[in-house]
Protein backbone atom coordinates (compact mmCIF):
# COMPACT_ATOMS: atom_id res chain seq x y z
CA MET A 1 0.00 0.00 0.00
CA PHE A 2 1.19 3.52 -0.84
CA VAL A 3 0.35 6.60 1.32
CA ILE A 4 1.44 10.28 1.21
CA VAL A 5 1.42 12.60 4.25
CA HIS A 6 2.10 16.32 3.80
CA SER A 7 4.62 18.14 6.01
CA GLY A 8 7.25 20.88 5.62
CA ALA A 9 10.99 21.55 5.76
CA LEU A 10 12.28 24.68 7.47
CA ILE A 11 14.85 26.51 5.29
CA GLY A 12 15.92 29.64 7.13
CA ILE A 13 12.55 30.98 8.25
CA GLU A 14 10.55 29.66 5.29
CA ALA A 15 8.78 26.30 5.21
CA LEU A 16 8.90 24.35 1.95
CA PRO A 17 6.51 21.45 1.21
CA VAL A 18 7.72 17.94 2.00
CA HIS A 19 5.77 14.80 1.18
CA ILE A 20 6.26 11.70 3.34
CA GLU A 21 5.80 8.80 0.92
CA MET A 22 5.32 5.38 2.51
CA LYS A 23 5.53 2.01 0.75
CA SER A 24 5.27 -1.24 2.72
CA GLY A 25 5.29 -4.92 1.77
CA LEU A 26 8.62 -4.74 -0.06
CA HIS A 27 10.96 -7.69 -0.39
CA GLY A 28 13.88 -7.80 2.03
CA ASP A 29 14.58 -7.78 5.73
CA PRO A 30 11.73 -6.38 7.88
CA GLY A 31 12.21 -2.87 9.23
CA LEU A 32 11.94 0.85 8.47
CA ARG A 33 14.30 2.76 6.22
CA VAL A 34 14.20 6.56 5.74
CA VAL A 35 15.52 8.10 2.51
CA GLY A 36 15.35 11.58 1.03
CA LEU A 37 18.45 13.39 2.38
CA PRO A 38 17.64 13.00 6.11
CA ASP A 39 19.98 14.13 8.88
CA ALA A 40 20.80 12.06 11.97
CA ALA A 41 17.74 13.29 13.90
CA VAL A 42 15.42 12.21 11.08
CA LYS A 43 17.11 8.80 10.80
CA GLU A 44 16.63 8.30 14.53
CA SER A 45 12.92 9.01 14.16
CA THR A 46 12.26 5.35 13.36
CA GLU A 47 13.22 4.42 16.93
CA ARG A 48 11.06 7.14 18.47
CA VAL A 49 8.14 6.29 16.19
CA THR A 50 8.38 2.58 16.96
CA ALA A 51 8.34 3.15 20.74
CA ALA A 52 5.51 5.71 20.52
CA MET A 53 3.34 3.36 18.45
CA MET A 54 3.87 0.46 20.83
CA ASN A 55 2.98 2.61 23.85
CA GLY A 56 -0.11 3.80 22.01
CA GLY A 57 -1.34 0.26 21.53
CA PHE A 58 -0.62 0.06 17.81
CA SER A 59 1.04 -2.87 16.06
CA LEU A 60 4.17 -2.77 13.88
CA SER A 61 4.55 -4.06 10.35
CA ASP A 62 6.65 -7.22 9.92
CA THR A 63 7.56 -6.31 6.32
CA ARG A 64 10.20 -4.07 4.79
CA THR A 65 8.97 -0.46 4.66
CA VAL A 66 10.61 2.49 2.87
CA ILE A 67 9.86 6.08 3.91
CA ASN A 68 10.79 8.69 1.30
CA LEU A 69 10.93 12.38 2.22
CA ALA A 70 10.37 14.15 -1.09
CA PRO A 71 11.79 16.19 -2.71
CA GLY A 72 15.12 14.48 -2.27
CA ASP A 73 17.31 17.57 -2.89
CA ILE A 74 16.21 19.43 0.29
CA ARG A 75 18.02 18.61 3.52
CA LYS A 76 15.54 17.23 6.10
CA GLU A 77 16.46 18.15 9.68
CA GLY A 78 15.16 17.64 13.18
CA PRO A 79 12.39 15.55 14.72
CA ILE A 80 9.61 17.45 12.94
CA TYR A 81 8.69 14.39 10.83
CA ASP A 82 8.04 11.94 13.72
CA LEU A 83 4.26 12.47 13.76
CA PRO A 84 3.67 12.35 9.99
CA ILE A 85 5.91 9.25 9.68
CA ALA A 86 3.94 7.49 12.42
CA LEU A 87 0.65 8.38 10.73
CA SER A 88 1.88 7.13 7.36
CA ILE A 89 2.87 3.79 8.95
CA LEU A 90 -0.52 3.46 10.60
CA ALA A 91 -2.28 4.32 7.35
CA THR A 92 -0.36 1.79 5.26
CA SER A 93 -1.04 -0.90 7.87
CA LYS A 94 -4.77 0.04 7.83
CA GLN A 95 -4.81 0.89 11.55
CA MET A 96 -6.39 4.25 10.80
CA ASP A 97 -8.47 5.98 8.13
CA PHE A 98 -6.18 7.69 5.62
CA SER A 99 -8.89 9.47 3.63
CA ARG A 100 -8.46 12.77 5.54
CA LEU A 101 -4.65 12.88 5.46
CA GLU A 102 -4.72 14.73 2.14
CA ASN A 103 -6.40 17.71 3.83
CA PHE A 104 -3.63 18.45 6.35
CA VAL A 105 -0.05 19.61 6.73
CA ILE A 106 1.27 17.72 9.76
CA ALA A 107 4.37 18.14 11.94
CA GLY A 108 5.39 17.10 15.44
CA GLU A 109 8.05 15.36 17.51
CA LEU A 110 7.10 12.17 19.32
CA SER A 111 8.28 11.15 22.76
CA LEU A 112 8.69 7.47 23.57
CA ASN A 113 5.37 7.39 25.46
CA GLY A 114 3.43 8.77 22.50
CA ASN A 115 3.16 12.42 23.56
CA VAL A 116 3.66 15.09 20.90
CA ARG A 117 6.34 17.70 21.58
CA PRO A 118 6.61 21.22 20.09
CA VAL A 119 8.63 21.83 16.92
CA ARG A 120 10.34 24.86 15.42
CA GLY A 121 8.67 26.99 12.75
CA GLY A 122 5.00 26.90 13.70
CA VAL A 123 4.26 30.22 11.96
CA SER A 124 6.19 29.18 8.84
CA LEU A 125 4.26 25.90 8.67
CA ALA A 126 0.99 27.80 8.99
CA LEU A 127 1.97 30.01 6.04
CA LEU A 128 2.84 26.87 4.07
CA ALA A 129 -0.53 25.29 4.88
CA ARG A 130 -2.30 28.47 3.80
CA ARG A 131 -0.43 28.52 0.49
CA GLU A 132 -1.37 24.89 -0.13
CA ARG A 133 -4.97 25.48 1.05
CA ARG A 134 -4.76 22.78 3.69
CA ASP A 135 -5.47 22.67 7.42
CA LEU A 136 -2.64 22.22 9.92
CA ILE A 137 -2.04 19.71 12.72
CA LEU A 138 0.64 20.72 15.24
CA PRO A 139 1.62 20.14 18.88
CA LYS A 140 -0.31 22.44 21.20
CA LYS A 141 2.46 24.98 21.92
CA SER A 142 3.40 25.24 18.25
CA ALA A 143 -0.27 25.54 17.33
CA GLU A 144 -0.67 28.56 19.63
CA GLU A 145 1.91 30.38 17.50
CA ALA A 146 0.51 29.19 14.18
CA ALA A 147 -3.05 30.19 15.14
CA LEU A 148 -2.14 33.87 14.68
CA VAL A 149 -1.90 33.33 10.92
CA GLU A 150 -5.26 34.16 9.39
CA GLY A 151 -6.79 31.99 6.68
CA VAL A 152 -5.71 28.59 8.03
CA ARG A 153 -7.31 26.25 10.57
CA VAL A 154 -4.86 24.95 13.16
CA PHE A 155 -5.69 21.84 15.17
CA PRO A 156 -3.64 21.18 18.35
CA VAL A 157 -2.86 17.62 19.40
CA GLU A 158 -1.08 16.33 22.49
CA THR A 159 -0.63 12.60 21.78
CA LEU A 160 -0.34 10.26 18.81
CA THR A 161 -3.51 8.44 19.87
CA GLU A 162 -5.43 11.72 20.01
CA CYS A 163 -4.27 12.62 16.50
CA VAL A 164 -5.34 9.21 15.13
CA LYS A 165 -8.78 9.49 16.73
CA PHE A 166 -9.21 12.96 15.27
CA LEU A 167 -8.30 11.81 11.75
CA ASN A 168 -10.60 8.79 12.12
CA GLY A 169 -13.48 11.09 13.03
CA ASP A 170 -13.82 9.60 16.54
CA LEU A 171 -12.73 12.79 18.32
CA GLU A 172 -13.65 16.42 17.75
CA ILE A 173 -10.87 19.01 18.16
CA ALA A 174 -11.79 22.68 17.85
CA PRO A 175 -9.33 24.67 15.73
CA LEU A 176 -7.46 27.41 17.53
CA THR A 177 -8.35 30.99 16.70
CA PRO A 178 -6.16 34.11 17.02
CA GLU A 179 -8.33 35.27 19.91
CA LYS A 180 -7.51 32.09 21.86
CA SER A 181 -3.77 32.49 21.36
CA PRO A 182 -1.92 33.50 24.56
CA PHE A 183 -0.05 36.10 22.54
CA ARG A 184 -3.28 38.07 22.08
CA SER A 185 -4.81 37.45 25.50
CA ARG A 186 -1.83 38.43 27.68
CA THR A 187 0.07 41.68 28.06
CA ASN A 188 3.65 42.47 29.00
CA ALA A 189 4.49 43.98 32.37
CA PHE A 190 7.67 46.10 32.62
CA SER A 191 9.58 46.35 35.88
CA ALA A 192 11.54 49.41 34.71
CA ASP A 193 10.40 52.93 33.81
CA PHE A 194 11.99 56.07 32.37
CA SER A 195 10.90 57.99 35.47
CA GLU A 196 13.79 56.25 37.25
CA VAL A 197 16.32 58.04 35.03
CA LYS A 198 17.58 61.26 36.61
CA GLY A 199 18.89 64.06 34.45
CA GLN A 200 20.21 63.22 30.95
CA PHE A 201 17.38 65.19 29.33
CA GLN A 202 19.25 65.49 26.04
CA VAL A 203 19.80 61.73 25.85
CA ARG A 204 16.17 61.00 26.77
CA ARG A 205 15.02 63.39 24.07
CA ALA A 206 17.32 61.80 21.47
CA VAL A 207 16.06 58.32 22.36
CA GLU A 208 12.45 59.50 22.10
CA VAL A 209 13.12 60.91 18.63
CA ALA A 210 14.91 57.71 17.61
CA VAL A 211 12.05 55.45 18.72
CA ALA A 212 9.41 57.70 17.17
CA GLY A 213 11.01 57.43 13.73
CA GLY A 214 12.82 54.09 13.96
CA HIS A 215 16.24 55.79 13.75
CA ASN A 216 19.58 54.32 14.78
CA VAL A 217 21.16 56.05 17.77
CA LEU A 218 24.64 56.06 19.36
CA MET A 219 25.21 57.27 22.94
CA ILE A 220 28.72 58.38 23.92
CA GLY A 221 29.61 58.98 27.55
CA SER A 222 31.71 58.07 30.56
CA PRO A 223 31.09 54.87 32.55
CA GLY A 224 28.14 55.28 34.90
CA SER A 225 26.51 58.10 32.93
CA GLY A 226 23.34 56.07 32.43
CA LYS A 227 23.70 54.88 28.82
CA SER A 228 22.82 51.24 29.52
CA MET A 229 20.11 52.24 31.98
CA ILE A 230 18.39 54.34 29.34
CA ALA A 231 18.80 51.71 26.62
CA LYS A 232 17.26 48.97 28.77
CA ARG A 233 14.16 51.12 29.26
CA ILE A 234 13.54 51.57 25.56
CA PRO A 235 11.15 48.54 25.46
CA THR A 236 8.83 50.48 27.79
CA ILE A 237 8.26 53.18 25.15
CA LEU A 238 8.18 51.05 22.00
CA PRO A 239 4.80 51.11 20.22
CA ALA A 240 3.02 47.78 20.03
CA PRO A 241 3.63 45.89 16.76
CA THR A 242 0.89 45.32 14.23
CA LEU A 243 -0.29 41.76 13.67
CA ASP A 244 1.78 41.46 10.48
CA GLU A 245 4.88 42.77 12.27
CA PHE A 246 4.40 40.38 15.18
CA LEU A 247 3.94 37.42 12.85
CA GLU A 248 7.32 38.26 11.32
CA ILE A 249 8.85 38.48 14.81
CA LEU A 250 7.22 35.25 15.95
CA GLY A 251 8.17 33.41 12.75
CA ILE A 252 11.87 34.27 13.12
CA HIS A 253 12.00 33.30 16.80
CA SER A 254 10.07 30.09 16.18
CA ALA A 255 12.45 29.14 13.36
CA ALA A 256 15.36 29.73 15.75
CA GLY A 257 13.77 27.47 18.36
CA ILE A 258 12.98 30.35 20.75
CA SER A 259 9.55 30.33 22.40
CA LEU A 260 8.31 33.82 23.21
CA ALA A 261 5.58 32.29 25.38
CA ASP A 262 8.17 30.55 27.57
CA GLU A 263 9.97 33.88 27.94
CA ASN A 264 6.68 35.59 28.93
CA ARG A 265 6.87 37.94 25.97
CA PHE A 266 3.46 38.45 24.43
CA PHE A 267 2.73 40.68 21.45
CA SER A 268 5.78 42.89 21.92
CA ARG A 269 8.78 44.00 19.93
CA PRO A 270 12.10 42.20 20.51
CA PHE A 271 14.96 43.78 22.43
CA ARG A 272 18.22 41.92 21.82
CA SER A 273 21.38 42.75 23.74
CA PRO A 274 24.25 40.40 22.78
CA HIS A 275 27.60 40.50 24.57
CA HIS A 276 30.49 42.10 22.70
CA THR A 277 32.31 38.73 22.53
CA ILE A 278 29.64 37.36 20.16
CA SER A 279 30.93 35.73 16.97
CA ASP A 280 30.25 36.97 13.47
CA VAL A 281 27.83 34.09 12.85
CA GLY A 282 26.03 34.71 16.14
CA LEU A 283 25.47 38.36 15.24
CA ILE A 284 24.79 38.17 11.51
CA GLY A 285 23.48 34.60 11.21
CA GLY A 286 24.68 31.62 9.21
CA GLY A 287 26.35 28.41 10.28
CA SER A 288 26.74 25.16 8.34
CA VAL A 289 22.97 25.23 8.02
CA PRO A 290 22.12 28.95 7.65
CA GLY A 291 19.93 30.29 10.43
CA PRO A 292 18.97 33.67 11.95
CA GLY A 293 21.44 35.65 14.05
CA GLU A 294 20.91 38.48 16.51
CA ILE A 295 20.19 41.08 13.84
CA SER A 296 17.33 38.96 12.50
CA LEU A 297 16.05 38.14 15.98
CA ALA A 298 15.87 41.93 16.49
CA HIS A 299 13.71 42.37 13.36
CA ASN A 300 10.92 44.94 13.96
CA GLY A 301 12.54 45.72 17.32
CA VAL A 302 15.76 46.95 18.91
CA LEU A 303 19.34 45.66 18.78
CA PHE A 304 21.36 47.11 21.67
CA LEU A 305 25.15 46.90 21.33
CA ASP A 306 26.82 48.02 24.54
CA GLU A 307 30.57 48.72 24.43
CA PHE A 308 30.15 49.26 20.69
CA PRO A 309 33.86 49.45 19.71
CA GLU A 310 34.60 46.19 21.55
CA PHE A 311 32.65 44.12 19.01
CA LYS A 312 34.65 42.43 16.29
CA ARG A 313 35.28 44.81 13.45
CA SER A 314 34.40 42.14 10.88
CA ALA A 315 30.96 41.62 12.44
CA LEU A 316 30.24 45.35 12.65
CA GLU A 317 31.23 45.94 9.03
CA VAL A 318 28.97 43.14 7.79
CA MET A 319 26.10 44.95 9.54
CA ARG A 320 26.35 47.80 7.06
CA GLN A 321 24.27 46.07 4.39
CA PRO A 322 21.44 44.98 6.75
CA LEU A 323 21.31 48.50 8.23
CA GLU A 324 20.78 49.89 4.74
CA ASP A 325 18.58 47.21 3.13
CA GLY A 326 16.70 45.70 6.08
CA GLU A 327 17.73 42.15 5.19
CA VAL A 328 20.81 39.94 5.24
CA CYS A 329 21.77 37.42 2.55
CA ILE A 330 23.69 34.36 3.76
CA SER A 331 25.33 31.99 1.29
CA ARG A 332 26.68 28.64 2.42
CA ALA A 333 27.40 25.29 0.81
CA ALA A 334 24.05 24.09 2.19
CA GLY A 335 22.22 26.89 0.37
CA LYS A 336 21.47 30.59 0.24
CA ILE A 337 18.84 32.28 2.36
CA THR A 338 17.65 35.84 2.86
CA LEU A 339 16.60 36.80 6.38
CA PRO A 340 14.72 39.98 7.37
CA SER A 341 16.71 42.28 9.66
CA ARG A 342 14.98 45.65 9.80
CA PHE A 343 15.85 46.75 13.32
CA MET A 344 16.57 49.90 15.25
CA LEU A 345 20.23 49.95 16.31
CA VAL A 346 20.97 51.40 19.75
CA ALA A 347 24.69 51.53 20.56
CA ALA A 348 26.65 52.83 23.54
CA MET A 349 30.35 53.53 23.88
CA ASN A 350 32.92 55.36 25.98
CA PRO A 351 34.70 58.40 24.53
CA CYS A 352 38.11 56.74 25.01
CA PRO A 353 39.60 53.45 26.28
CA CYS A 354 39.63 54.53 29.93
CA GLY A 355 36.24 56.17 29.51
CA TYR A 356 36.95 59.56 31.09
CA LEU A 357 37.87 61.82 28.17
CA GLY A 358 36.08 65.10 28.81
CA ASP A 359 34.85 64.05 32.26
CA LYS A 360 34.73 66.97 34.71
CA SER A 361 35.56 64.92 37.80
CA ARG A 362 38.13 62.40 36.53
CA GLN A 363 41.20 62.77 34.37
CA CYS A 364 41.69 60.79 31.17
CA ARG A 365 44.80 58.57 31.21
CA CYS A 366 44.79 57.69 27.49
CA SER A 367 47.40 58.86 25.03
CA PRO A 368 46.36 60.39 21.69
CA VAL A 369 47.49 57.22 19.92
CA GLN A 370 45.33 55.04 22.18
CA ILE A 371 42.32 57.30 21.66
CA GLN A 372 42.79 57.28 17.90
CA ARG A 373 43.15 53.48 17.84
CA TYR A 374 39.99 53.11 19.93
CA ARG A 375 37.97 55.39 17.66
CA SER A 376 39.23 53.73 14.49
CA ARG A 377 37.48 50.49 15.46
CA LEU A 378 34.33 52.10 14.11
CA SER A 379 34.56 52.90 10.41
CA GLY A 380 33.19 56.04 8.84
CA PRO A 381 30.67 54.19 6.63
CA LEU A 382 29.23 52.43 9.71
CA LEU A 383 28.91 55.66 11.72
CA ASP A 384 27.36 57.28 8.66
CA ARG A 385 24.47 54.83 8.94
CA ILE A 386 23.64 55.93 12.50
CA ASP A 387 21.15 58.78 12.36
CA ILE A 388 21.54 60.20 15.87
CA HIS A 389 24.76 60.71 17.86
CA VAL A 390 24.26 62.03 21.39
CA GLU A 391 26.64 62.69 24.26
CA ALA A 392 25.77 61.45 27.75
CA PRO A 393 27.85 63.43 30.27
CA ALA A 394 28.35 61.96 33.73
CA LEU A 395 26.22 63.50 36.49
CA SER A 396 27.71 64.82 39.70
CA ILE A 397 26.61 63.55 43.11
CA ASP A 398 24.73 66.81 43.76
CA GLU A 399 22.86 66.44 40.47
CA LEU A 400 21.91 62.87 41.31
CA ARG A 401 20.68 63.85 44.78
CA THR A 402 18.66 66.89 43.74
CA ALA A 403 17.39 65.79 40.32
CA ALA A 404 13.64 65.35 40.15
CA PRO A 405 12.19 62.08 38.81
CA GLY A 406 12.14 61.98 35.05
CA GLU A 407 9.12 61.80 32.79
CA SER A 408 7.33 58.44 32.85
CA SER A 409 7.50 55.89 30.06
CA ALA A 410 3.72 56.11 29.62
CA SER A 411 3.75 59.79 28.65
CA MET A 412 6.75 59.33 26.35
CA ARG A 413 5.10 56.34 24.70
CA GLU A 414 1.92 58.35 24.13
CA ARG A 415 3.80 60.96 22.11
CA ILE A 416 5.71 58.27 20.23
CA CYS A 417 2.52 56.41 19.31
CA SER A 418 0.97 59.67 18.04
CA ALA A 419 4.02 60.29 15.84
CA ARG A 420 3.95 56.69 14.57
CA GLU A 421 0.26 57.06 13.71
CA ILE A 422 1.11 60.10 11.56
CA GLN A 423 3.73 58.01 9.77
CA ARG A 424 1.33 55.09 9.34
CA LYS A 425 -1.15 57.35 7.53
CA ARG A 426 1.65 58.98 5.53
CA PHE A 427 2.96 55.67 4.20
CA ALA A 428 -0.39 53.90 3.82
CA GLY A 429 -0.38 51.70 0.74
CA THR A 430 3.42 51.30 0.76
CA THR A 431 5.81 48.88 2.46
CA LEU A 432 7.27 51.70 4.60
CA ARG A 433 6.49 51.73 8.31
CA ASN A 434 8.43 54.70 9.70
CA ASN A 435 10.46 57.73 8.67
CA ALA A 436 13.81 55.94 8.90
CA GLN A 437 12.80 53.70 5.98
CA MET A 438 12.09 56.57 3.56
CA ALA A 439 13.77 56.50 0.15
CA SER A 440 14.73 59.47 -2.02
CA ARG A 441 11.28 59.86 -3.55
CA GLN A 442 9.54 60.07 -0.16
CA LEU A 443 12.19 62.49 1.09
CA ARG A 444 11.39 64.89 -1.73
CA GLU A 445 7.68 64.62 -1.00
CA VAL A 446 7.53 64.94 2.80
CA CYS A 447 10.81 66.65 3.74
CA ALA A 448 10.65 69.79 1.65
CA LEU A 449 12.68 72.70 3.05
CA SER A 450 12.32 76.46 2.61
CA ALA A 451 15.10 78.46 0.94
CA GLU A 452 16.37 79.62 4.34
CA GLN A 453 16.36 76.09 5.74
CA GLY A 454 18.15 74.85 2.64
CA MET A 455 20.95 77.38 3.23
CA ILE A 456 21.23 76.31 6.90
CA LEU A 457 21.60 72.66 5.90
CA GLN A 458 24.05 73.52 3.13
CA ARG A 459 26.32 75.40 5.55
CA ALA A 460 26.15 72.51 8.00
CA MET A 461 27.09 70.08 5.24
CA GLU A 462 30.07 72.18 4.24
CA ASN A 463 31.32 72.91 7.76
CA LEU A 464 30.94 69.34 9.03
CA GLY A 465 31.96 67.61 5.82
CA LEU A 466 28.81 65.47 5.79
CA SER A 467 28.13 62.80 3.20
CA ALA A 468 25.04 62.53 1.03
CA ARG A 469 23.81 59.72 3.29
CA ALA A 470 24.13 61.98 6.34
CA TYR A 471 22.18 64.67 4.45
CA ASP A 472 19.27 62.28 3.94
CA ARG A 473 19.37 61.12 7.55
CA ILE A 474 19.23 64.68 8.87
CA LEU A 475 16.07 65.22 6.82
CA LYS A 476 14.51 62.00 8.15
CA VAL A 477 15.26 62.93 11.76
CA ALA A 478 13.92 66.45 11.22
CA ARG A 479 10.72 64.95 9.81
CA THR A 480 10.35 62.78 12.92
CA ILE A 481 10.89 65.77 15.23
CA ALA A 482 8.16 67.60 13.32
CA ASP A 483 5.86 64.58 13.72
CA LEU A 484 6.45 64.60 17.48
CA ALA A 485 5.52 68.27 17.50
CA GLY A 486 2.46 67.57 15.36
CA THR A 487 3.40 70.08 12.64
CA PRO A 488 2.70 69.32 8.97
CA SER A 489 6.03 70.73 7.74
CA ILE A 490 9.60 70.81 8.99
CA GLU A 491 10.34 74.02 10.85
CA THR A 492 13.75 75.59 11.43
CA PRO A 493 14.07 74.46 15.11
CA HIS A 494 13.35 70.89 13.98
CA LEU A 495 16.11 71.07 11.37
CA LEU A 496 18.62 72.58 13.81
CA GLU A 497 17.92 69.86 16.37
CA ALA A 498 18.44 67.17 13.72
CA ILE A 499 21.77 68.74 12.69
CA ASN A 500 22.81 68.86 16.36
CA TYR A 501 22.43 65.07 16.52
CA ARG A 502 25.45 64.61 14.19
CA SER A 503 27.93 65.10 17.06
CA LEU A 504 30.46 62.61 15.68
CA ASP A 505 30.76 64.74 12.56
CA ARG A 506 31.70 67.83 14.57
CA ASN A 507 35.16 68.73 15.79
CA THR A 508 34.53 68.20 19.51
CA GLN A 509 36.71 66.88 22.31
CA TYR A 510 35.23 63.45 21.70
CA PHE A 511 35.57 63.01 17.93
């Protein structure tokens, strides 16, 4: 007897169709053999499937059976095929009704006692099922992710026996709906708030502008000036993602084997903060089998790089293309994939190796050569892609004692959401989501300057030696400042503030 069960293979963050073809009753020694470019985990599935079937009260075939995972040119990885392989064996041995198998895409890992464990790529499998106009059967936790995809019915199962009864029509399982997903029914609670930040009004303002327009920002200041403290409170002022944005976030994390539900992160934007010792592959993505790195895990969210110059220069330079294009292309012998990586970069650094250049209370011990070597770890083209540069001076003890509590995250977030709503209406019908993503055509349309403002920007370009890219980024930041103020056009104070945020291009004591 010949049976086909539909499943999927995860390539990067995309699921491609895989058909589990089963043929039993062949001549030769009894047993199961898996072909179709399987890895070690897939080859071991025969042992897990055998034990799960026996514990579920099912019998095993005493003939030679071949399981083909088609197409044969795609590498099959992981335990995702345990459940569909078990179902194909049961169907060929007539221990279950196979008439409904054609209607489903099925995936799941089996434990030895017959329970079904979660698998990676629930959202990607749901998109695959929708493309193929089939329903989806997944383990319960994976189904909760997949249920957010509209246009596909997702049925959760917890055991092999339960799945067989459902396919036989002996058990009714209600499909999950987006409303029943924990990601829609729960909210995130933040333990930190911007009101805890004392002083640093210029840095707080720069961060607010950056978040409102999705701009990259670099904070420069002495140790203890509050750079990391401010950065770690950015999630409290990020606007909530749209459903499409969250599906992209969830799909990338699911493909990487990261459960947002287990981390108690529900319907929020990611905030990734890797250590500066991270490898190139860990930051950018890749590996022998290409997968997402930190810049893709930060998609539609924030990537915070503390001690910015301490990261490997090779990794930072490779970030230049994702910062510009919003995606990263990874080519390996196993294949080529393109991963989304449209994130807001937040970086923090000291002004010199010892950290006290320009500090009023401590003396810098670095030589000019050491300072120059430290600064040269960050290339000009990389700094050019950072829209906002802001200095974070250290506060004195008197300032810390007498400073009033800062503005709350709630009020900052309210202004940011209002500015984002203006941008949403501005870019309706396009793929753009914020001002930082504007191209040349949009800049000409929404960032028009008066003759006087044009002369101001021209003088700034000449005096600071700014590049054409910096020119565009000043206009984008000015547009965001105007959106925060609620004005339809860019006014001169908005433009001057945007120019002031190019501190690394000025001849200051820092750079």
